[in-house]
Amino acid sequence: MLAPYKEIAAAQDRAFDTTLQATGEAVFDGDQLHQLLVILLDNAFKYTAVGDSIWVTTERQTKTWTLTVGNSGPSIPDADKKRIFDRFYRMDPSRNRETGGSGLGLAIADWIVTNHRGHIRVMDIHPQGAAFVVTLPLSGK
């Protein structure tokens, strides 16, 4: 699943790192988690420039599984953090269907996470960047 993104990053002169520490089994909807990862990675690529970094990490705790997708592109202003999971919301008003984005990706991501009884949040990376952290319970649906 991540191999094509490594190739894209290399072709676009971006760093792409993975730290996949989660092991074992968990009960999740595989298609939905695949869609979630695609949404988060596509956004990371949209908001990074040449020379920026994108990373994916997974961790497993006793009762939760955590996925983080981050990038060293621009940070997300606090006012936008409150709305980025709203349907049709776009941080950059110049973006539209023709230039990329419908404003639905993060709303769908939030729905997928909620459907798995989890939580998604965005956090700042300093000096610049953002990371989307998804935490899902291991107990299944």
Protein backbone atom coordinates (compact mmCIF):
# COMPACT_ATOMS: atom_id res chain seq x y z
CA MET A 1 0.00 0.00 0.00
CA LEU A 2 2.76 2.50 0.83
CA ALA A 3 5.19 1.53 -1.95
CA PRO A 4 3.54 3.72 -4.63
CA TYR A 5 3.75 6.72 -2.30
CA LYS A 6 7.47 6.11 -1.77
CA GLU A 7 7.94 6.15 -5.54
CA ILE A 8 5.87 9.32 -5.94
CA ALA A 9 7.81 11.04 -3.18
CA ALA A 10 11.13 10.10 -4.75
CA ALA A 11 9.97 11.36 -8.16
CA GLN A 12 8.84 14.64 -6.58
CA ASP A 13 12.01 15.10 -4.49
CA ARG A 14 10.22 14.71 -1.17
CA ALA A 15 11.31 12.55 1.75
CA PHE A 16 8.93 9.72 2.66
CA ASP A 17 9.54 7.80 5.88
CA THR A 18 7.61 5.03 7.58
CA THR A 19 7.83 3.64 11.09
CA LEU A 20 5.35 0.79 11.30
CA GLN A 21 5.60 -0.57 14.82
CA ALA A 22 2.09 -1.99 15.18
CA THR A 23 2.07 -5.78 15.15
CA GLY A 24 -0.61 -8.36 15.80
CA GLU A 25 -4.20 -8.56 14.69
CA ALA A 26 -7.07 -6.12 14.95
CA VAL A 27 -10.63 -6.01 13.60
CA PHE A 28 -11.08 -3.05 11.24
CA ASP A 29 -12.80 -2.53 7.92
CA GLY A 30 -9.81 -2.89 5.58
CA ASP A 31 -11.40 -0.98 2.70
CA GLN A 32 -12.28 1.95 4.94
CA LEU A 33 -8.80 2.08 6.50
CA HIS A 34 -7.27 1.96 3.03
CA GLN A 35 -9.47 4.92 2.02
CA LEU A 36 -8.51 6.77 5.21
CA LEU A 37 -4.81 6.31 4.52
CA VAL A 38 -5.22 7.43 0.89
CA ILE A 39 -7.06 10.59 1.99
CA LEU A 40 -4.43 11.50 4.59
CA LEU A 41 -1.50 10.77 2.26
CA ASP A 42 -3.05 12.64 -0.66
CA ASN A 43 -3.49 15.69 1.57
CA ALA A 44 0.08 15.39 2.82
CA PHE A 45 1.37 15.37 -0.76
CA LYS A 46 -0.85 18.33 -1.73
CA TYR A 47 0.56 20.49 1.04
CA THR A 48 4.25 19.69 0.79
CA ALA A 49 6.80 21.20 -1.56
CA VAL A 50 10.03 19.92 -3.04
CA GLY A 51 12.40 19.10 -0.20
CA ASP A 52 9.61 18.67 2.37
CA SER A 53 9.02 15.44 4.30
CA ILE A 54 6.03 13.15 4.68
CA TRP A 55 5.87 10.33 7.22
CA VAL A 56 3.59 7.54 8.35
CA THR A 57 3.81 5.84 11.71
CA THR A 58 1.74 3.16 13.39
CA GLU A 59 1.79 2.12 17.03
CA ARG A 60 -0.13 -0.44 18.99
CA GLN A 61 -0.91 0.07 22.64
CA THR A 62 -2.79 -2.32 24.90
CA LYS A 63 -6.25 -1.16 23.83
CA THR A 64 -5.62 1.14 20.85
CA TRP A 65 -3.96 1.35 17.46
CA THR A 66 -2.57 4.70 16.33
CA LEU A 67 -1.86 5.90 12.79
CA THR A 68 -0.06 9.18 12.22
CA VAL A 69 0.40 10.85 8.84
CA GLY A 70 2.47 14.00 8.99
CA ASN A 71 4.29 16.43 6.78
CA SER A 72 6.70 19.33 7.05
CA GLY A 73 4.62 21.56 4.79
CA PRO A 74 2.73 24.58 6.08
CA SER A 75 1.11 24.43 9.50
CA ILE A 76 -2.67 24.63 9.82
CA PRO A 77 -3.94 27.83 11.46
CA ASP A 78 -5.86 27.27 14.70
CA ALA A 79 -9.06 28.76 13.22
CA ASP A 80 -8.96 26.22 10.39
CA LYS A 81 -8.24 23.28 12.70
CA LYS A 82 -11.75 23.67 14.10
CA ARG A 83 -13.32 23.34 10.65
CA ILE A 84 -11.12 21.09 8.50
CA PHE A 85 -13.27 18.03 9.20
CA ASP A 86 -16.46 19.85 8.09
CA ARG A 87 -17.94 18.84 4.74
CA PHE A 88 -16.99 21.13 1.85
CA TYR A 89 -14.60 23.22 3.97
CA ARG A 90 -11.38 24.24 2.24
CA MET A 91 -8.57 26.06 3.99
CA ASP A 92 -7.45 27.61 0.73
CA PRO A 93 -10.42 29.28 -1.02
CA SER A 94 -8.55 29.16 -4.35
CA ARG A 95 -8.78 25.35 -4.35
CA ASN A 96 -11.79 23.89 -6.12
CA ARG A 97 -12.64 20.81 -8.14
CA GLU A 98 -10.61 22.07 -11.07
CA THR A 99 -7.51 22.85 -8.98
CA GLY A 100 -7.87 19.87 -6.67
CA GLY A 101 -10.20 19.06 -3.87
CA SER A 102 -13.89 19.02 -3.13
CA GLY A 103 -13.66 19.70 0.59
CA LEU A 104 -14.89 16.20 1.38
CA GLY A 105 -11.71 14.22 2.04
CA LEU A 106 -11.19 15.03 5.71
CA ALA A 107 -14.95 14.81 6.37
CA ILE A 108 -14.87 11.27 4.96
CA ALA A 109 -11.76 10.51 7.01
CA ASP A 110 -13.55 11.70 10.14
CA TRP A 111 -16.58 9.53 9.28
CA ILE A 112 -14.36 6.45 8.82
CA VAL A 113 -12.66 7.04 12.15
CA THR A 114 -15.98 7.65 13.92
CA ASN A 115 -17.38 4.49 12.30
CA HIS A 116 -14.55 2.60 14.03
CA ARG A 117 -15.30 4.34 17.36
CA GLY A 118 -12.02 6.22 17.15
CA HIS A 119 -10.73 9.76 17.19
CA ILE A 120 -8.84 11.90 14.68
CA ARG A 121 -7.04 15.11 15.50
CA VAL A 122 -4.58 17.42 13.85
CA MET A 123 -1.52 18.74 15.64
CA ASP A 124 1.23 21.20 14.81
CA ILE A 125 4.73 20.07 14.00
CA HIS A 126 7.36 22.65 14.87
CA PRO A 127 8.86 24.67 13.29
CA GLN A 128 6.27 23.95 10.58
CA GLY A 129 4.06 21.13 9.49
CA ALA A 130 1.03 19.16 10.56
CA ALA A 131 0.25 15.64 11.65
CA PHE A 132 -3.06 13.83 11.59
CA VAL A 133 -3.31 11.34 14.44
CA VAL A 134 -5.91 8.59 14.27
CA THR A 135 -6.56 6.47 17.35
CA LEU A 136 -8.77 3.42 17.03
CA PRO A 137 -9.84 0.98 19.74
CA LEU A 138 -8.64 -2.58 19.19
CA SER A 139 -11.91 -4.08 20.37
CA GLY A 140 -13.42 -3.76 16.89
CA LYS A 141 -16.81 -2.31 16.06
